[in-house]
Protein backbone atom coordinates (compact mmCIF):
# COMPACT_ATOMS: atom_id res chain seq x y z
CA UNK A 1 13.50 -0.41 -21.13
CA UNK A 2 10.66 0.14 -23.59
CA UNK A 3 7.11 1.07 -22.70
CA UNK A 4 6.10 -2.44 -23.81
CA UNK A 5 8.58 -4.03 -21.40
CA UNK A 6 7.36 -1.78 -18.60
CA UNK A 7 3.77 -2.84 -19.28
CA UNK A 8 4.75 -6.53 -19.40
CA UNK A 9 6.69 -6.39 -16.12
CA UNK A 10 3.86 -4.51 -14.39
CA UNK A 11 1.26 -7.02 -15.58
CA UNK A 12 3.38 -10.09 -14.80
CA UNK A 13 4.38 -8.80 -11.37
CA UNK A 14 0.78 -7.87 -10.57
CA UNK A 15 -0.47 -11.24 -11.80
CA UNK A 16 2.05 -13.18 -9.71
CA UNK A 17 1.20 -10.98 -6.72
CA UNK A 18 -2.51 -11.68 -7.21
CA UNK A 19 -1.70 -15.38 -6.85
CA UNK A 20 0.98 -15.16 -4.15
CA UNK A 21 -0.73 -12.79 -1.70
CA UNK A 22 -3.93 -14.85 -1.15
CA UNK A 23 -1.73 -17.97 -0.94
CA UNK A 24 0.42 -16.35 1.75
CA UNK A 25 -2.70 -15.29 3.65
CA UNK A 26 -3.92 -18.89 3.69
CA UNK A 27 -0.48 -20.19 4.69
CA UNK A 28 -0.30 -17.59 7.44
CA UNK A 29 -3.56 -18.68 9.02
CA UNK A 30 -2.94 -22.40 8.48
CA UNK A 31 0.52 -22.43 10.07
CA UNK A 32 -0.20 -19.63 12.58
CA UNK A 33 2.35 -17.35 10.95
CA UNK A 34 0.58 -14.30 12.31
CA UNK A 35 1.37 -10.91 13.75
CA UNK A 36 -0.28 -10.94 17.16
CA UNK A 37 -1.62 -7.78 18.82
CA UNK A 38 0.63 -6.50 21.57
CA UNK A 39 3.21 -3.89 22.56
CA UNK A 40 4.06 -1.31 19.85
CA UNK A 41 1.34 -2.84 17.64
CA UNK A 42 -1.99 -1.33 16.81
CA UNK A 43 -4.03 -4.05 15.11
CA UNK A 44 -6.71 -5.87 17.08
CA UNK A 45 -6.75 -9.27 15.36
CA UNK A 46 -3.99 -11.78 14.50
CA UNK A 47 -2.97 -11.02 10.91
CA UNK A 48 -0.73 -12.92 8.46
CA UNK A 49 2.68 -11.29 8.19
CA UNK A 50 3.94 -12.92 5.01
CA UNK A 51 3.94 -9.90 2.71
CA UNK A 52 7.73 -10.17 2.49
CA UNK A 53 7.82 -13.67 0.95
CA UNK A 54 5.01 -12.67 -1.45
CA UNK A 55 7.07 -9.66 -2.55
CA UNK A 56 10.25 -11.74 -2.91
CA UNK A 57 8.65 -14.38 -5.12
CA UNK A 58 6.70 -11.84 -7.18
CA UNK A 59 9.83 -9.79 -7.78
CA UNK A 60 12.20 -12.56 -8.72
CA UNK A 61 9.76 -14.62 -10.79
CA UNK A 62 9.08 -11.49 -12.84
CA UNK A 63 12.74 -10.44 -13.07
CA UNK A 64 13.68 -13.98 -14.11
CA UNK A 65 11.05 -14.01 -16.86
CA UNK A 66 12.08 -10.57 -18.13
CA UNK A 67 15.75 -11.55 -18.27
CA UNK A 68 14.84 -14.79 -20.05
CA UNK A 69 12.55 -13.14 -22.63
CA UNK A 70 14.67 -10.02 -23.27
CA UNK A 71 18.16 -11.46 -22.82
CA UNK A 72 19.98 -8.85 -24.91
CA UNK A 73 18.35 -5.92 -23.14
CA UNK A 74 19.23 -7.25 -19.69
CA UNK A 75 22.75 -8.42 -20.52
CA UNK A 76 24.04 -5.05 -19.30
CA UNK A 77 23.17 -5.99 -15.72
CA UNK A 78 25.47 -9.00 -16.06
CA UNK A 79 26.55 -10.76 -12.89
CA UNK A 80 25.11 -7.97 -10.72
CA UNK A 81 21.76 -9.80 -10.78
CA UNK A 82 23.15 -12.61 -8.61
CA UNK A 83 24.49 -10.14 -6.03
CA UNK A 84 21.18 -8.27 -5.98
CA UNK A 85 19.27 -11.53 -5.53
CA UNK A 86 21.63 -12.66 -2.73
CA UNK A 87 21.19 -9.37 -0.88
CA UNK A 88 17.40 -9.54 -1.26
CA UNK A 89 17.40 -13.08 0.11
CA UNK A 90 19.45 -12.01 3.14
CA UNK A 91 17.10 -9.10 3.87
CA UNK A 92 13.99 -11.26 3.40
CA UNK A 93 15.14 -14.14 5.59
CA UNK A 94 16.41 -11.94 8.42
CA UNK A 95 13.26 -9.82 8.29
CA UNK A 96 11.11 -12.93 8.34
CA UNK A 97 13.02 -14.30 11.33
CA UNK A 98 12.51 -11.00 13.14
CA UNK A 99 8.79 -11.02 12.35
CA UNK A 100 8.25 -14.26 14.26
CA UNK A 101 11.01 -14.15 16.88
CA UNK A 102 12.29 -10.60 17.37
CA UNK A 103 16.01 -10.21 16.72
CA UNK A 104 18.24 -7.59 18.28
CA UNK A 105 18.67 -4.36 16.37
CA UNK A 106 22.34 -5.20 15.95
CA UNK A 107 21.53 -8.54 14.31
CA UNK A 108 19.29 -6.82 11.76
CA UNK A 109 21.92 -4.14 11.22
CA UNK A 110 24.53 -6.82 10.54
CA UNK A 111 22.29 -8.37 7.89
CA UNK A 112 21.70 -4.99 6.24
CA UNK A 113 25.43 -4.29 6.23
CA UNK A 114 25.97 -7.71 4.65
CA UNK A 115 23.44 -6.91 1.93
CA UNK A 116 25.18 -3.59 1.29
CA UNK A 117 28.55 -5.33 0.98
CA UNK A 118 27.07 -7.81 -1.49
CA UNK A 119 25.88 -4.94 -3.68
CA UNK A 120 29.30 -3.30 -3.43
CA UNK A 121 31.02 -6.51 -4.51
CA UNK A 122 28.55 -6.73 -7.40
CA UNK A 123 29.70 -3.34 -8.67
CA UNK A 124 26.77 -1.33 -7.30
CA UNK A 125 28.44 1.39 -5.32
CA UNK A 126 28.39 5.09 -4.50
CA UNK A 127 31.44 6.68 -6.07
CA UNK A 128 30.45 10.31 -5.52
CA UNK A 129 28.18 12.32 -3.25
CA UNK A 130 25.81 14.40 -5.35
CA UNK A 131 24.05 17.68 -4.48
CA UNK A 132 22.19 20.25 -6.57
CA UNK A 133 25.38 22.37 -6.36
CA UNK A 134 27.78 19.73 -7.64
CA UNK A 135 29.41 16.41 -6.79
CA UNK A 136 32.24 15.17 -4.59
CA UNK A 137 34.39 12.15 -5.37
CA UNK A 138 34.68 9.90 -2.30
CA UNK A 139 37.42 7.47 -3.36
CA UNK A 140 38.28 4.92 -0.67
CA UNK A 141 35.19 5.84 1.34
CA UNK A 142 33.02 4.27 -1.35
CA UNK A 143 32.41 1.01 0.50
CA UNK A 144 31.44 2.82 3.73
CA UNK A 145 29.10 5.27 1.98
CA UNK A 146 27.54 2.49 -0.10
CA UNK A 147 26.78 0.36 2.97
CA UNK A 148 25.40 3.35 4.91
CA UNK A 149 23.22 4.25 1.93
CA UNK A 150 21.79 0.73 1.71
CA UNK A 151 21.19 0.58 5.47
CA UNK A 152 19.45 3.97 5.49
CA UNK A 153 17.08 3.20 2.62
CA UNK A 154 16.41 -0.33 3.87
CA UNK A 155 15.27 1.04 7.22
CA UNK A 156 13.46 4.11 5.87
CA UNK A 157 10.40 2.22 4.61
CA UNK A 158 10.39 0.00 7.70
CA UNK A 159 9.98 3.01 10.00
CA UNK A 160 6.75 4.20 8.37
CA UNK A 161 5.20 0.72 8.23
CA UNK A 162 2.91 1.42 11.17
CA UNK A 163 -0.45 2.04 9.54
CA UNK A 164 -2.44 0.00 7.03
CA UNK A 165 -1.54 1.10 3.51
CA UNK A 166 1.05 3.68 4.59
CA UNK A 167 4.40 2.11 3.65
CA UNK A 168 3.00 0.40 0.55
CA UNK A 169 1.21 3.55 -0.69
CA UNK A 170 4.15 5.92 -0.14
CA UNK A 171 6.47 3.39 -1.79
CA UNK A 172 4.14 3.05 -4.78
CA UNK A 173 4.08 6.83 -5.27
CA UNK A 174 7.87 6.97 -5.05
CA UNK A 175 8.26 4.05 -7.43
CA UNK A 176 5.98 5.58 -10.06
CA UNK A 177 7.81 8.91 -9.90
CA UNK A 178 11.17 7.17 -10.31
CA UNK A 179 9.87 5.21 -13.30
CA UNK A 180 8.92 8.49 -14.97
CA UNK A 181 12.34 9.97 -14.14
CA UNK A 182 14.02 6.80 -15.41
CA UNK A 183 12.21 7.16 -18.73
CA UNK A 184 13.42 10.77 -19.02
CA UNK A 185 17.01 9.66 -18.38
CA UNK A 186 16.64 6.56 -20.59
CA UNK A 187 18.17 4.26 -17.97
CA UNK A 188 17.05 1.10 -19.75
CA UNK A 189 16.61 -2.27 -18.06
CA UNK A 190 17.43 -0.83 -14.64
CA UNK A 191 13.77 0.15 -14.38
CA UNK A 192 12.74 -3.50 -13.99
CA UNK A 193 13.36 -3.35 -10.22
CA UNK A 194 10.85 -0.52 -9.92
CA UNK A 195 8.25 -1.81 -12.35
CA UNK A 196 8.03 -5.21 -10.65
CA UNK A 197 7.86 -3.48 -7.26
CA UNK A 198 5.06 -1.17 -8.40
CA UNK A 199 3.18 -4.07 -9.99
CA UNK A 200 3.28 -5.90 -6.68
CA UNK A 201 2.33 -2.86 -4.58
CA UNK A 202 -0.71 -2.05 -6.72
CA UNK A 203 -2.15 -5.48 -5.91
CA UNK A 204 -0.83 -5.58 -2.33
CA UNK A 205 -2.57 -2.33 -1.39
CA UNK A 206 -5.93 -3.99 -2.02
CA UNK A 207 -5.13 -6.49 0.73
CA UNK A 208 -3.25 -4.05 2.99
CA UNK A 209 -5.96 -1.39 3.06
CA UNK A 210 -7.61 -0.82 6.44
CA UNK A 211 -8.43 -3.24 7.93
CA UNK A 212 -5.43 -5.11 6.51
CA UNK A 213 -5.71 -8.77 5.56
CA UNK A 214 -1.90 -9.13 5.40
CA UNK A 215 1.11 -7.14 6.61
CA UNK A 216 4.43 -6.46 4.94
CA UNK A 217 6.33 -7.22 8.11
CA UNK A 218 10.02 -6.39 8.41
CA UNK A 219 10.73 -8.87 5.61
CA UNK A 220 8.54 -6.83 3.27
CA UNK A 221 9.21 -3.25 4.34
CA UNK A 222 12.99 -3.71 4.50
CA UNK A 223 12.89 -5.47 1.14
CA UNK A 224 11.12 -2.49 -0.46
CA UNK A 225 13.78 -0.13 0.89
CA UNK A 226 16.46 -2.51 -0.37
CA UNK A 227 15.04 -2.45 -3.93
CA UNK A 228 15.00 1.35 -3.86
CA UNK A 229 18.64 1.24 -2.78
CA UNK A 230 19.46 -1.13 -5.65
CA UNK A 231 17.86 1.19 -8.19
CA UNK A 232 19.49 4.31 -6.75
CA UNK A 233 22.93 2.69 -6.95
CA UNK A 234 22.49 1.64 -10.59
CA UNK A 235 20.63 4.78 -11.68
CA UNK A 236 23.62 7.20 -11.61
CA UNK A 237 25.71 4.76 -13.64
CA UNK A 238 23.11 4.72 -16.41
CA UNK A 239 22.07 8.36 -16.48
CA UNK A 240 23.66 11.18 -18.44
CA UNK A 241 24.26 13.31 -15.36
CA UNK A 242 26.28 12.45 -12.29
CA UNK A 243 23.84 14.42 -10.10
CA UNK A 244 21.12 11.77 -10.55
CA UNK A 245 21.79 10.06 -7.21
CA UNK A 246 19.85 12.65 -5.20
CA UNK A 247 16.65 12.07 -7.20
CA UNK A 248 15.78 8.76 -5.46
CA UNK A 249 16.61 10.51 -2.19
CA UNK A 250 14.05 13.23 -2.92
CA UNK A 251 11.37 10.79 -4.03
CA UNK A 252 11.74 8.92 -0.72
CA UNK A 253 11.71 12.17 1.24
CA UNK A 254 8.80 11.16 3.51
CA UNK A 255 10.32 7.93 4.94
CA UNK A 256 13.80 9.48 5.05
CA UNK A 257 12.52 12.49 7.01
CA UNK A 258 10.80 10.07 9.39
CA UNK A 259 14.09 8.16 9.75
CA UNK A 260 16.07 11.32 10.53
CA UNK A 261 13.48 12.73 12.95
CA UNK A 262 13.08 9.41 14.79
CA UNK A 263 16.82 8.85 15.13
CA UNK A 264 17.39 12.44 16.27
CA UNK A 265 14.53 12.32 18.77
CA UNK A 266 15.73 9.05 20.31
CA UNK A 267 19.34 10.24 20.44
CA UNK A 268 18.42 13.52 22.16
CA UNK A 269 16.26 11.67 24.71
CA UNK A 270 19.05 9.15 25.39
CA UNK A 271 17.15 6.18 23.95
CA UNK A 272 18.30 3.47 21.56
CA UNK A 273 18.05 5.04 18.09
CA UNK A 274 17.20 1.61 16.64
CA UNK A 275 14.46 0.90 19.17
CA UNK A 276 10.69 1.02 18.63
CA UNK A 277 8.25 3.54 20.05
CA UNK A 278 4.93 5.25 19.38
CA UNK A 279 6.20 8.75 18.70
CA UNK A 280 6.11 8.78 14.93
CA UNK A 281 4.17 11.46 13.12
CA UNK A 282 1.29 9.13 12.25
CA UNK A 283 0.94 8.23 15.95
CA UNK A 284 0.56 11.88 16.92
CA UNK A 285 -1.89 12.49 14.09
CA UNK A 286 -4.03 9.65 15.43
CA UNK A 287 -3.90 11.04 18.96
CA UNK A 288 -4.99 14.41 17.56
CA UNK A 289 -8.14 12.72 16.26
CA UNK A 290 -7.28 12.12 12.61
CA UNK A 291 -8.79 9.00 11.05
CA UNK A 292 -6.60 6.38 9.31
CA UNK A 293 -7.81 7.60 5.90
CA UNK A 294 -6.98 11.22 6.76
CA UNK A 295 -3.50 10.23 7.96
CA UNK A 296 -2.89 8.32 4.74
CA UNK A 297 -4.03 11.35 2.72
CA UNK A 298 -1.53 13.58 4.54
CA UNK A 299 1.36 11.19 3.97
CA UNK A 300 0.40 10.54 0.35
CA UNK A 301 0.25 14.30 -0.25
CA UNK A 302 3.75 14.77 1.20
CA UNK A 303 5.03 11.88 -0.94
CA UNK A 304 3.57 13.57 -4.04
CA UNK A 305 5.23 16.87 -3.12
CA UNK A 306 8.65 15.24 -2.81
CA UNK A 307 8.06 13.30 -6.02
CA UNK A 308 7.03 16.40 -7.95
CA UNK A 309 10.12 18.19 -6.60
CA UNK A 310 12.28 15.40 -8.02
CA UNK A 311 10.54 15.77 -11.39
CA UNK A 312 10.91 19.56 -11.24
CA UNK A 313 14.68 19.13 -10.90
CA UNK A 314 14.59 17.69 -14.42
CA UNK A 315 12.89 20.75 -15.96
CA UNK A 316 13.76 23.80 -13.86
CA UNK A 317 16.68 25.34 -12.02
CA UNK A 318 17.68 22.86 -9.32
CA UNK A 319 18.76 25.45 -6.78
CA UNK A 320 15.36 27.16 -6.92
CA UNK A 321 13.49 23.86 -6.64
CA UNK A 322 15.79 22.80 -3.80
CA UNK A 323 15.08 26.07 -2.00
CA UNK A 324 11.32 25.53 -2.20
CA UNK A 325 11.79 21.96 -0.98
CA UNK A 326 13.84 23.10 2.01
CA UNK A 327 11.07 25.57 2.88
CA UNK A 328 8.51 22.75 2.63
CA UNK A 329 10.60 20.56 4.97
CA UNK A 330 10.94 23.40 7.49
CA UNK A 331 7.16 23.79 7.47
CA UNK A 332 6.69 20.04 8.01
CA UNK A 333 9.10 19.99 10.95
CA UNK A 334 7.42 23.06 12.44
CA UNK A 335 4.01 21.43 12.18
CA UNK A 336 5.42 18.25 13.70
CA UNK A 337 6.79 20.27 16.63
CA UNK A 338 3.42 21.96 17.11
CA UNK A 339 1.69 18.56 17.11
CA UNK A 340 4.06 17.26 19.78
CA UNK A 341 3.71 20.27 22.03
CA UNK A 342 -0.10 20.33 21.73
CA UNK A 343 -0.62 16.67 22.62
CA UNK A 344 -1.27 16.35 26.32
CA UNK A 345 1.41 14.68 28.51
CA UNK A 346 -1.03 11.85 29.23
CA UNK A 347 -1.47 11.13 25.53
CA UNK A 348 2.27 11.40 24.91
CA UNK A 349 2.76 8.80 27.62
CA UNK A 350 0.28 6.58 25.78
CA UNK A 351 2.22 7.07 22.56
CA UNK A 352 5.40 6.00 24.32
CA UNK A 353 3.83 2.80 25.53
CA UNK A 354 2.72 3.93 28.96
CA UNK A 355 -0.71 4.61 30.32
CA UNK A 356 -3.51 2.27 31.29
CA UNK A 357 -4.79 -0.62 29.21
CA UNK A 358 -7.96 1.20 28.27
CA UNK A 359 -5.99 4.08 26.77
CA UNK A 360 -3.78 1.62 24.91
CA UNK A 361 -6.80 -0.14 23.42
CA UNK A 362 -8.35 3.13 22.30
CA UNK A 363 -5.06 4.14 20.70
CA UNK A 364 -4.72 0.86 18.81
CA UNK A 365 -8.33 0.94 17.62
CA UNK A 366 -7.83 4.32 15.97
CA UNK A 367 -4.97 3.12 13.77
CA UNK A 368 -6.09 -0.43 12.87
């Protein structure tokens, strides 16, 4: 994918987003397609929750135009495009249904598994597990690993979508870093799924900044994770090194760490690991007195660190970079533990959904 094509896809995607997002805001208010304040939610006013459909249309209008204009360059994707589109449609529709009438965690999981199977059938699959020390062929376990990979990345962005501008901003940073890495590896037309995503997110952030005029919703946040999964599955096939799979994993280190910590915490406490709560890192930072802008700065900084680590893998010894990254993650987990232990039991109860209504209102007002 040439620099010119990257520029065209960014501009087209951003232009379509600039039209679609205000339209979705108007539709949301007109048809009462709103996210209402309530349990596990921190905004104070009903807000349109149609960021997912805006992302879907922006992405596929742009991809369709790019494939039409540069047919020869995108011929290498072949029939995989239809499988990718089908999976995106499944994720978007199920997420949208959950946004307006909450589905069970198992229903959403089934849809994510279905999307992963569609990608596998389309030839997008994990055929090895890659580490900085080498790779391991997985053979017949390919379908299982592929589906788990798609499910993990699809949910990773969703878990950090709890603060205006957080999920979109972290995803934009990750997308830009992966575009740079993709240019180094000369992965070609595969980059279109990141360029159209970044073009959308640049515009979307203007509307999603505190106080947000529109939310991604599950249909949007899961869709972003899905597109990262799509790129990460194609990326190793196009690169000149079989160890490329871990690069998208590093770039998305912030949401993946949040996924692992949340699942571990809920499992240890005997709770449903797919349930919702108010014990994410950004919740504790708010209870400690950090403003929304300060919280975003912390998360954006961590996203940059993981992104720079992924870039460093391209230039320096991977074991050394990996060692520094492990140290950074240990420090983050230690700070997270300190935050938890220094928040008073009363505030922790508020973060879990307990406490009086006054405390709940104060908590919500800090984040949105």
